[in-house]
Amino acid sequence: MLLFRRILGFKEETIQQREKRRAQRYAVSPSFPLKVVLNTLGRDEDAQLNKTKDGRGRNWGAQAVNLSGTGASILVSPSLLVHRGDTCTLTITIENFVIVQRGLVAHYRSQRDYATVGIAFEAPEPGMQRAYLQLLEPLAIGDSLKPVPAKQVRQDTPGQHKEQYCGEGDAQLTVWRATPESAPHAFEFRMHQCYARGSSHSNELAVYTLEDSPPSVHGYDAPALKRSPGHAREIQTLFRWTVPHFASAVPADVRGFLAQFAQ
């Protein structure tokens, strides 16, 4: 099941481009509504594989530390004992979406309160891989945002100070302040062909797709945008999943301002 059916379509060549960044790890924010369950046989005190009647192993609740195109690092109960090379299955649930990845234990380290397990994924089914890449996208977009040097930002709105942050692909976050020292009061965030806008004058997150004529909004640049009710829910979800993963290079007040619209 795809997480996004109207956006993040990922044509075959795009999937190949995404897979080139397979080794890059993306930290998972604690506020990200991700649930993880690890299924594995585990081992007994003598390091022998446990035996179950059905051979399906046991489910262990886990917390995702980071995800990549090739695997994951998770935290589980220290009572779980596994060895490198043990087979396992990771079930990732995000809201009402479920992604299942089979793999092998790549490393294991036990501490007093938890154990860290690294998992190397096996080749997934094509449909499942597309869904998993969609899951990685908000992490990748948020993590890649870096400030544009001030001298490269065009100050084209009188009485407004504009700052920008660019990220992977064509991701671009534009923030407006009354002065360089004042709090942010408006933003526009491009994520692929999707746009999200917000202002301190309203609690509404306005979303658009890149097409047709731009709305008339004072203070914004005007790419050719169109409100698209059919895409709204998915754009809102992409925004909501991306904001918690903003890089530390994005100032705390900007992260906090956008977080108000990601509830």
C-alpha atoms as a PDB file:
ATOM      1  CA  MET A   1       0.000   0.000   0.000  1.00  0.00           C
ATOM      2  CA  LEU A   2       1.463   3.345  -1.073  1.00  0.00           C
ATOM      3  CA  LEU A   3       1.614   6.133   1.474  1.00  0.00           C
ATOM      4  CA  PHE A   4       0.990   8.751  -1.222  1.00  0.00           C
ATOM      5  CA  ARG A   5      -1.050   8.001  -4.345  1.00  0.00           C
ATOM      6  CA  ARG A   6      -1.415  11.512  -5.781  1.00  0.00           C
ATOM      7  CA  ILE A   7       2.011  12.938  -4.914  1.00  0.00           C
ATOM      8  CA  LEU A   8       5.505  11.387  -4.720  1.00  0.00           C
ATOM      9  CA  GLY A   9       4.639   9.070  -7.608  1.00  0.00           C
ATOM     10  CA  PHE A  10       8.328   8.223  -8.150  1.00  0.00           C
ATOM     11  CA  LYS A  11       8.734   7.097 -11.721  1.00  0.00           C
ATOM     12  CA  GLU A  12      11.197   4.307 -12.343  1.00  0.00           C
ATOM     13  CA  GLU A  13      14.119   6.639 -13.047  1.00  0.00           C
ATOM     14  CA  THR A  14      13.290   8.592  -9.875  1.00  0.00           C
ATOM     15  CA  ILE A  15      13.317   5.394  -7.843  1.00  0.00           C
ATOM     16  CA  GLN A  16      16.764   4.609  -9.205  1.00  0.00           C
ATOM     17  CA  GLN A  17      17.970   8.074  -8.209  1.00  0.00           C
ATOM     18  CA  ARG A  18      16.545   7.618  -4.709  1.00  0.00           C
ATOM     19  CA  GLU A  19      18.255   4.247  -4.376  1.00  0.00           C
ATOM     20  CA  LYS A  20      21.638   5.850  -5.100  1.00  0.00           C
ATOM     21  CA  ARG A  21      21.446   7.453  -1.665  1.00  0.00           C
ATOM     22  CA  ARG A  22      20.816   4.050  -0.094  1.00  0.00           C
ATOM     23  CA  ALA A  23      23.668   4.291   2.408  1.00  0.00           C
ATOM     24  CA  GLN A  24      22.594   7.635   3.889  1.00  0.00           C
ATOM     25  CA  ARG A  25      20.941   7.309   7.287  1.00  0.00           C
ATOM     26  CA  TYR A  26      18.133   9.579   8.403  1.00  0.00           C
ATOM     27  CA  ALA A  27      17.427  10.070  12.091  1.00  0.00           C
ATOM     28  CA  VAL A  28      13.808   9.461  13.078  1.00  0.00           C
ATOM     29  CA  SER A  29      12.313  12.214  15.225  1.00  0.00           C
ATOM     30  CA  PRO A  30      10.761  11.049  18.514  1.00  0.00           C
ATOM     31  CA  SER A  31       7.639  13.036  17.569  1.00  0.00           C
ATOM     32  CA  PHE A  32       7.247  11.149  14.280  1.00  0.00           C
ATOM     33  CA  PRO A  33       4.175   8.860  14.625  1.00  0.00           C
ATOM     34  CA  LEU A  34       6.097   5.755  13.621  1.00  0.00           C
ATOM     35  CA  LYS A  35       5.484   2.368  15.246  1.00  0.00           C
ATOM     36  CA  VAL A  36       7.968  -0.453  14.760  1.00  0.00           C
ATOM     37  CA  VAL A  37       7.713  -4.153  15.561  1.00  0.00           C
ATOM     38  CA  LEU A  38      10.651  -6.530  15.185  1.00  0.00           C
ATOM     39  CA  ASN A  39       9.890 -10.214  14.647  1.00  0.00           C
ATOM     40  CA  THR A  40      12.693 -12.703  15.185  1.00  0.00           C
ATOM     41  CA  LEU A  41      13.265 -16.064  16.859  1.00  0.00           C
ATOM     42  CA  GLY A  42      15.872 -14.674  19.233  1.00  0.00           C
ATOM     43  CA  ARG A  43      18.288 -16.777  21.249  1.00  0.00           C
ATOM     44  CA  ASP A  44      18.347 -18.348  24.694  1.00  0.00           C
ATOM     45  CA  GLU A  45      20.908 -17.864  27.454  1.00  0.00           C
ATOM     46  CA  ASP A  46      23.192 -20.362  25.715  1.00  0.00           C
ATOM     47  CA  ALA A  47      22.970 -18.337  22.475  1.00  0.00           C
ATOM     48  CA  GLN A  48      20.979 -21.088  20.766  1.00  0.00           C
ATOM     49  CA  LEU A  49      18.088 -20.138  18.506  1.00  0.00           C
ATOM     50  CA  ASN A  50      14.763 -20.292  20.305  1.00  0.00           C
ATOM     51  CA  LYS A  51      12.237 -22.747  18.953  1.00  0.00           C
ATOM     52  CA  THR A  52       8.575 -21.923  18.489  1.00  0.00           C
ATOM     53  CA  LYS A  53       5.760 -24.208  17.408  1.00  0.00           C
ATOM     54  CA  ASP A  54       5.072 -22.293  14.232  1.00  0.00           C
ATOM     55  CA  GLY A  55       8.644 -21.100  13.627  1.00  0.00           C
ATOM     56  CA  ARG A  56       7.462 -17.544  13.181  1.00  0.00           C
ATOM     57  CA  GLY A  57       9.376 -16.019  16.043  1.00  0.00           C
ATOM     58  CA  ARG A  58       8.255 -13.433  18.553  1.00  0.00           C
ATOM     59  CA  ASN A  59       7.206  -9.829  18.112  1.00  0.00           C
ATOM     60  CA  TRP A  60       9.185  -7.164  19.967  1.00  0.00           C
ATOM     61  CA  GLY A  61       8.062  -3.571  20.234  1.00  0.00           C
ATOM     62  CA  ALA A  62      10.860  -1.297  19.029  1.00  0.00           C
ATOM     63  CA  GLN A  63      11.804   2.331  18.505  1.00  0.00           C
ATOM     64  CA  ALA A  64      13.341   3.455  15.239  1.00  0.00           C
ATOM     65  CA  VAL A  65      16.602   5.386  15.663  1.00  0.00           C
ATOM     66  CA  ASN A  66      17.388   5.865  11.987  1.00  0.00           C
ATOM     67  CA  LEU A  67      16.330   4.555   8.593  1.00  0.00           C
ATOM     68  CA  SER A  68      18.142   4.220   5.301  1.00  0.00           C
ATOM     69  CA  GLY A  69      17.464   2.709   1.916  1.00  0.00           C
ATOM     70  CA  THR A  70      19.241  -0.461   2.952  1.00  0.00           C
ATOM     71  CA  GLY A  71      18.322  -0.910   6.591  1.00  0.00           C
ATOM     72  CA  ALA A  72      17.398   0.423   9.982  1.00  0.00           C
ATOM     73  CA  SER A  73      18.730   0.892  13.482  1.00  0.00           C
ATOM     74  CA  ILE A  74      16.247   0.238  16.280  1.00  0.00           C
ATOM     75  CA  LEU A  75      16.051   0.040  20.061  1.00  0.00           C
ATOM     76  CA  VAL A  76      14.452  -3.003  21.694  1.00  0.00           C
ATOM     77  CA  SER A  77      14.264  -4.607  25.128  1.00  0.00           C
ATOM     78  CA  PRO A  78      17.663  -5.777  26.427  1.00  0.00           C
ATOM     79  CA  SER A  79      16.086  -9.176  27.111  1.00  0.00           C
ATOM     80  CA  LEU A  80      16.185  -9.884  23.360  1.00  0.00           C
ATOM     81  CA  LEU A  81      19.361 -11.678  22.294  1.00  0.00           C
ATOM     82  CA  VAL A  82      20.227 -12.033  18.600  1.00  0.00           C
ATOM     83  CA  HIS A  83      23.347 -12.697  16.592  1.00  0.00           C
ATOM     84  CA  ARG A  84      24.615 -11.194  13.404  1.00  0.00           C
ATOM     85  CA  GLY A  85      23.006 -12.952  10.453  1.00  0.00           C
ATOM     86  CA  ASP A  86      19.799 -13.923  12.268  1.00  0.00           C
ATOM     87  CA  THR A  87      16.727 -13.505  10.083  1.00  0.00           C
ATOM     88  CA  CYS A  88      14.099 -10.977  11.094  1.00  0.00           C
ATOM     89  CA  THR A  89      11.139  -8.968   9.864  1.00  0.00           C
ATOM     90  CA  LEU A  90      10.531  -5.295  10.573  1.00  0.00           C
ATOM     91  CA  THR A  91       6.935  -4.086  10.436  1.00  0.00           C
ATOM     92  CA  ILE A  92       6.670  -0.302  10.215  1.00  0.00           C
ATOM     93  CA  THR A  93       3.311   1.348  10.837  1.00  0.00           C
ATOM     94  CA  ILE A  94       2.729   5.017  10.138  1.00  0.00           C
ATOM     95  CA  GLU A  95      -0.823   6.075  10.926  1.00  0.00           C
ATOM     96  CA  ASN A  96      -2.909   3.559   8.914  1.00  0.00           C
ATOM     97  CA  PHE A  97      -0.111   2.467   6.565  1.00  0.00           C
ATOM     98  CA  VAL A  98       1.955  -0.689   7.027  1.00  0.00           C
ATOM     99  CA  ILE A  99       5.337  -1.463   5.460  1.00  0.00           C
ATOM    100  CA  VAL A 100       6.996  -4.857   5.947  1.00  0.00           C
ATOM    101  CA  GLN A 101      10.744  -5.269   5.409  1.00  0.00           C
ATOM    102  CA  ARG A 102      12.541  -8.596   5.759  1.00  0.00           C
ATOM    103  CA  GLY A 103      16.210  -8.648   6.595  1.00  0.00           C
ATOM    104  CA  LEU A 104      19.152  -9.910   8.598  1.00  0.00           C
ATOM    105  CA  VAL A 105      20.635  -8.700  11.859  1.00  0.00           C
ATOM    106  CA  ALA A 106      23.709  -6.661  10.922  1.00  0.00           C
ATOM    107  CA  HIS A 107      24.846  -5.794  14.445  1.00  0.00           C
ATOM    108  CA  TYR A 108      23.670  -6.080  18.037  1.00  0.00           C
ATOM    109  CA  ARG A 109      24.722  -4.173  21.135  1.00  0.00           C
ATOM    110  CA  SER A 110      23.096  -4.624  24.530  1.00  0.00           C
ATOM    111  CA  GLN A 111      23.047  -2.043  27.306  1.00  0.00           C
ATOM    112  CA  ARG A 112      21.298  -1.922  30.670  1.00  0.00           C
ATOM    113  CA  ASP A 113      18.040  -0.333  29.517  1.00  0.00           C
ATOM    114  CA  TYR A 114      17.863  -1.321  25.857  1.00  0.00           C
ATOM    115  CA  ALA A 115      19.550  -3.169  23.029  1.00  0.00           C
ATOM    116  CA  THR A 116      20.477  -1.592  19.698  1.00  0.00           C
ATOM    117  CA  VAL A 117      19.836  -3.767  16.657  1.00  0.00           C
ATOM    118  CA  GLY A 118      21.013  -2.914  13.165  1.00  0.00           C
ATOM    119  CA  ILE A 119      19.056  -4.537  10.348  1.00  0.00           C
ATOM    120  CA  ALA A 120      20.140  -4.989   6.738  1.00  0.00           C
ATOM    121  CA  PHE A 121      17.099  -5.285   4.493  1.00  0.00           C
ATOM    122  CA  GLU A 122      16.747  -7.985   1.905  1.00  0.00           C
ATOM    123  CA  ALA A 123      15.531  -7.033  -1.576  1.00  0.00           C
ATOM    124  CA  PRO A 124      11.876  -6.001  -1.062  1.00  0.00           C
ATOM    125  CA  GLU A 125       8.942  -6.475  -3.362  1.00  0.00           C
ATOM    126  CA  PRO A 126       8.730  -3.584  -5.892  1.00  0.00           C
ATOM    127  CA  GLY A 127       5.478  -2.196  -4.456  1.00  0.00           C
ATOM    128  CA  MET A 128       6.821  -2.307  -0.908  1.00  0.00           C
ATOM    129  CA  GLN A 129      10.049  -0.584  -1.956  1.00  0.00           C
ATOM    130  CA  ARG A 130       8.114   2.298  -3.498  1.00  0.00           C
ATOM    131  CA  ALA A 131       6.148   2.762  -0.266  1.00  0.00           C
ATOM    132  CA  TYR A 132       9.324   2.623   1.816  1.00  0.00           C
ATOM    133  CA  LEU A 133      11.015   5.259  -0.353  1.00  0.00           C
ATOM    134  CA  GLN A 134       7.962   7.459   0.144  1.00  0.00           C
ATOM    135  CA  LEU A 135       8.413   7.018   3.899  1.00  0.00           C
ATOM    136  CA  LEU A 136      12.051   8.112   3.653  1.00  0.00           C
ATOM    137  CA  GLU A 137      11.239  11.218   1.606  1.00  0.00           C
ATOM    138  CA  PRO A 138      10.013  13.521   4.423  1.00  0.00           C
ATOM    139  CA  LEU A 139      13.037  12.497   6.501  1.00  0.00           C
ATOM    140  CA  ALA A 140      15.374  13.239   3.591  1.00  0.00           C
ATOM    141  CA  ILE A 141      13.758  16.589   2.754  1.00  0.00           C
ATOM    142  CA  GLY A 142      13.827  17.853   6.335  1.00  0.00           C
ATOM    143  CA  ASP A 143      17.343  16.622   7.050  1.00  0.00           C
ATOM    144  CA  SER A 144      18.801  18.207   3.910  1.00  0.00           C
ATOM    145  CA  LEU A 145      17.624  21.800   4.498  1.00  0.00           C
ATOM    146  CA  LYS A 146      20.490  24.284   4.702  1.00  0.00           C
ATOM    147  CA  PRO A 147      20.406  28.103   4.834  1.00  0.00           C
ATOM    148  CA  VAL A 148      20.981  30.055   1.655  1.00  0.00           C
ATOM    149  CA  PRO A 149      23.688  32.720   2.208  1.00  0.00           C
ATOM    150  CA  ALA A 150      22.018  36.046   3.002  1.00  0.00           C
ATOM    151  CA  LYS A 151      23.683  37.834   0.085  1.00  0.00           C
ATOM    152  CA  GLN A 152      22.073  35.345  -2.317  1.00  0.00           C
ATOM    153  CA  VAL A 153      18.522  35.948  -1.038  1.00  0.00           C
ATOM    154  CA  ARG A 154      16.664  38.560  -3.065  1.00  0.00           C
ATOM    155  CA  GLN A 155      14.946  41.042  -0.734  1.00  0.00           C
ATOM    156  CA  ASP A 156      12.085  41.949  -3.026  1.00  0.00           C
ATOM    157  CA  THR A 157       9.254  42.818  -0.610  1.00  0.00           C
ATOM    158  CA  PRO A 158       9.450  46.262   1.032  1.00  0.00           C
ATOM    159  CA  GLY A 159       9.208  46.107   4.813  1.00  0.00           C
ATOM    160  CA  GLN A 160       9.858  42.375   4.890  1.00  0.00           C
ATOM    161  CA  HIS A 161      13.029  40.393   5.532  1.00  0.00           C
ATOM    162  CA  LYS A 162      13.223  37.123   3.653  1.00  0.00           C
ATOM    163  CA  GLU A 163      15.408  34.118   4.427  1.00  0.00           C
ATOM    164  CA  GLN A 164      15.604  30.832   2.556  1.00  0.00           C
ATOM    165  CA  TYR A 165      16.663  27.244   3.118  1.00  0.00           C
ATOM    166  CA  CYS A 166      17.250  24.782   0.299  1.00  0.00           C
ATOM    167  CA  GLY A 167      17.384  21.023   0.434  1.00  0.00           C
ATOM    168  CA  GLU A 168      17.567  17.845  -1.543  1.00  0.00           C
ATOM    169  CA  GLY A 169      16.102  18.035  -5.010  1.00  0.00           C
ATOM    170  CA  ASP A 170      14.063  21.211  -5.303  1.00  0.00           C
ATOM    171  CA  ALA A 171      13.030  21.552  -1.654  1.00  0.00           C
ATOM    172  CA  GLN A 172      12.927  25.205  -0.636  1.00  0.00           C
ATOM    173  CA  LEU A 173      11.697  26.870   2.541  1.00  0.00           C
ATOM    174  CA  THR A 174      11.146  30.641   2.457  1.00  0.00           C
ATOM    175  CA  VAL A 175      10.488  32.502   5.698  1.00  0.00           C
ATOM    176  CA  TRP A 176       9.469  36.128   6.166  1.00  0.00           C
ATOM    177  CA  ARG A 177      10.180  38.342   9.186  1.00  0.00           C
ATOM    178  CA  ALA A 178       9.462  42.029   9.742  1.00  0.00           C
ATOM    179  CA  THR A 179      13.168  42.507  10.508  1.00  0.00           C
ATOM    180  CA  PRO A 180      16.113  40.094  10.622  1.00  0.00           C
ATOM    181  CA  GLU A 181      15.778  39.989  14.434  1.00  0.00           C
ATOM    182  CA  SER A 182      12.000  39.580  14.704  1.00  0.00           C
ATOM    183  CA  ALA A 183       9.996  36.358  14.876  1.00  0.00           C
ATOM    184  CA  PRO A 184       8.910  34.674  11.635  1.00  0.00           C
ATOM    185  CA  HIS A 185       5.382  35.582  10.548  1.00  0.00           C
ATOM    186  CA  ALA A 186       4.931  33.758   7.227  1.00  0.00           C
ATOM    187  CA  PHE A 187       6.441  30.900   5.245  1.00  0.00           C
ATOM    188  CA  GLU A 188       6.259  29.035   1.985  1.00  0.00           C
ATOM    189  CA  PHE A 189       7.626  25.491   1.760  1.00  0.00           C
ATOM    190  CA  ARG A 190       8.150  23.725  -1.540  1.00  0.00           C
ATOM    191  CA  MET A 191       8.374  19.930  -1.457  1.00  0.00           C
ATOM    192  CA  HIS A 192       8.728  18.632  -5.017  1.00  0.00           C
ATOM    193  CA  GLN A 193       5.666  19.925  -6.891  1.00  0.00           C
ATOM    194  CA  CYS A 194       3.774  20.648  -3.680  1.00  0.00           C
ATOM    195  CA  TYR A 195       3.623  23.906  -1.747  1.00  0.00           C
ATOM    196  CA  ALA A 196       2.549  24.666   1.806  1.00  0.00           C
ATOM    197  CA  ARG A 197       1.999  28.188   3.090  1.00  0.00           C
ATOM    198  CA  GLY A 198       1.244  29.591   6.504  1.00  0.00           C
ATOM    199  CA  SER A 199       0.965  32.963   8.214  1.00  0.00           C
ATOM    200  CA  SER A 200       0.683  34.216  11.764  1.00  0.00           C
ATOM    201  CA  HIS A 201      -2.571  35.889  10.672  1.00  0.00           C
ATOM    202  CA  SER A 202      -4.259  32.508  10.269  1.00  0.00           C
ATOM    203  CA  ASN A 203      -4.035  28.995  11.680  1.00  0.00           C
ATOM    204  CA  GLU A 204      -4.759  27.495   8.273  1.00  0.00           C
ATOM    205  CA  LEU A 205      -2.109  25.596   6.334  1.00  0.00           C
ATOM    206  CA  ALA A 206      -2.739  26.463   2.689  1.00  0.00           C
ATOM    207  CA  VAL A 207      -1.548  23.867   0.186  1.00  0.00           C
ATOM    208  CA  TYR A 208      -1.067  24.058  -3.559  1.00  0.00           C
ATOM    209  CA  THR A 209       0.281  22.139  -6.509  1.00  0.00           C
ATOM    210  CA  LEU A 210       2.537  23.611  -9.177  1.00  0.00           C
ATOM    211  CA  GLU A 211       0.165  24.378 -12.016  1.00  0.00           C
ATOM    212  CA  ASP A 212      -2.121  27.014 -13.543  1.00  0.00           C
ATOM    213  CA  SER A 213      -2.379  30.546 -12.134  1.00  0.00           C
ATOM    214  CA  PRO A 214      -0.979  31.772  -8.825  1.00  0.00           C
ATOM    215  CA  PRO A 215      -3.247  33.004  -6.056  1.00  0.00           C
ATOM    216  CA  SER A 216      -2.882  36.659  -5.165  1.00  0.00           C
ATOM    217  CA  VAL A 217      -1.082  36.672  -1.818  1.00  0.00           C
ATOM    218  CA  HIS A 218       0.786  39.786  -0.759  1.00  0.00           C
ATOM    219  CA  GLY A 219       4.327  39.154   0.381  1.00  0.00           C
ATOM    220  CA  TYR A 220       4.866  35.867  -1.453  1.00  0.00           C
ATOM    221  CA  ASP A 221       6.754  35.074  -4.591  1.00  0.00           C
ATOM    222  CA  ALA A 222       4.296  33.838  -7.195  1.00  0.00           C
ATOM    223  CA  PRO A 223       5.064  30.497  -8.810  1.00  0.00           C
ATOM    224  CA  ALA A 224       2.190  29.162 -10.868  1.00  0.00           C
ATOM    225  CA  LEU A 225       0.172  27.446  -8.172  1.00  0.00           C
ATOM    226  CA  LYS A 226      -3.303  26.024  -7.857  1.00  0.00           C
ATOM    227  CA  ARG A 227      -5.302  24.892  -4.880  1.00  0.00           C
ATOM    228  CA  SER A 228      -5.954  21.212  -5.402  1.00  0.00           C
ATOM    229  CA  PRO A 229      -8.526  19.710  -3.022  1.00  0.00           C
ATOM    230  CA  GLY A 230      -7.800  16.221  -4.321  1.00  0.00           C
ATOM    231  CA  HIS A 231      -4.156  16.537  -3.257  1.00  0.00           C
ATOM    232  CA  ALA A 232      -4.691  18.516  -0.057  1.00  0.00           C
ATOM    233  CA  ARG A 233      -4.700  15.643   2.441  1.00  0.00           C
ATOM    234  CA  GLU A 234      -1.504  14.112   1.047  1.00  0.00           C
ATOM    235  CA  ILE A 235       0.334  17.460   0.907  1.00  0.00           C
ATOM    236  CA  GLN A 236      -0.693  18.178   4.495  1.00  0.00           C
ATOM    237  CA  THR A 237       0.583  14.735   5.517  1.00  0.00           C
ATOM    238  CA  LEU A 238       3.910  15.239   3.729  1.00  0.00           C
ATOM    239  CA  PHE A 239       4.302  18.610   5.464  1.00  0.00           C
ATOM    240  CA  ARG A 240       3.367  17.140   8.846  1.00  0.00           C
ATOM    241  CA  TRP A 241       5.884  14.310   8.484  1.00  0.00           C
ATOM    242  CA  THR A 242       8.671  16.560   7.191  1.00  0.00           C
ATOM    243  CA  VAL A 243       8.639  19.348   9.793  1.00  0.00           C
ATOM    244  CA  PRO A 244       9.757  17.154  12.746  1.00  0.00           C
ATOM    245  CA  HIS A 245      12.852  16.179  10.739  1.00  0.00           C
ATOM    246  CA  PHE A 246      14.148  19.685  10.004  1.00  0.00           C
ATOM    247  CA  ALA A 247      17.921  19.897  10.224  1.00  0.00           C
ATOM    248  CA  SER A 248      19.440  21.827  13.126  1.00  0.00           C
ATOM    249  CA  ALA A 249      20.676  24.307  10.504  1.00  0.00           C
ATOM    250  CA  VAL A 250      17.100  25.626  10.450  1.00  0.00           C
ATOM    251  CA  PRO A 251      16.767  28.031  13.417  1.00  0.00           C
ATOM    252  CA  ALA A 252      14.723  26.890  16.388  1.00  0.00           C
ATOM    253  CA  ASP A 253      12.197  29.731  16.028  1.00  0.00           C
ATOM    254  CA  VAL A 254      11.550  28.734  12.400  1.00  0.00           C
ATOM    255  CA  ARG A 255      11.136  25.081  13.358  1.00  0.00           C
ATOM    256  CA  GLY A 256       8.762  26.081  16.137  1.00  0.00           C
ATOM    257  CA  PHE A 257       6.746  28.373  13.871  1.00  0.00           C
ATOM    258  CA  LEU A 258       6.166  25.687  11.232  1.00  0.00           C
ATOM    259  CA  ALA A 259       5.438  23.097  13.914  1.00  0.00           C
ATOM    260  CA  GLN A 260       2.329  25.100  14.821  1.00  0.00           C
ATOM    261  CA  PHE A 261       0.927  24.252  11.390  1.00  0.00           C
ATOM    262  CA  ALA A 262       1.946  20.587  11.570  1.00  0.00           C
ATOM    263  CA  GLN A 263      -0.455  19.577  14.334  1.00  0.00           C
END
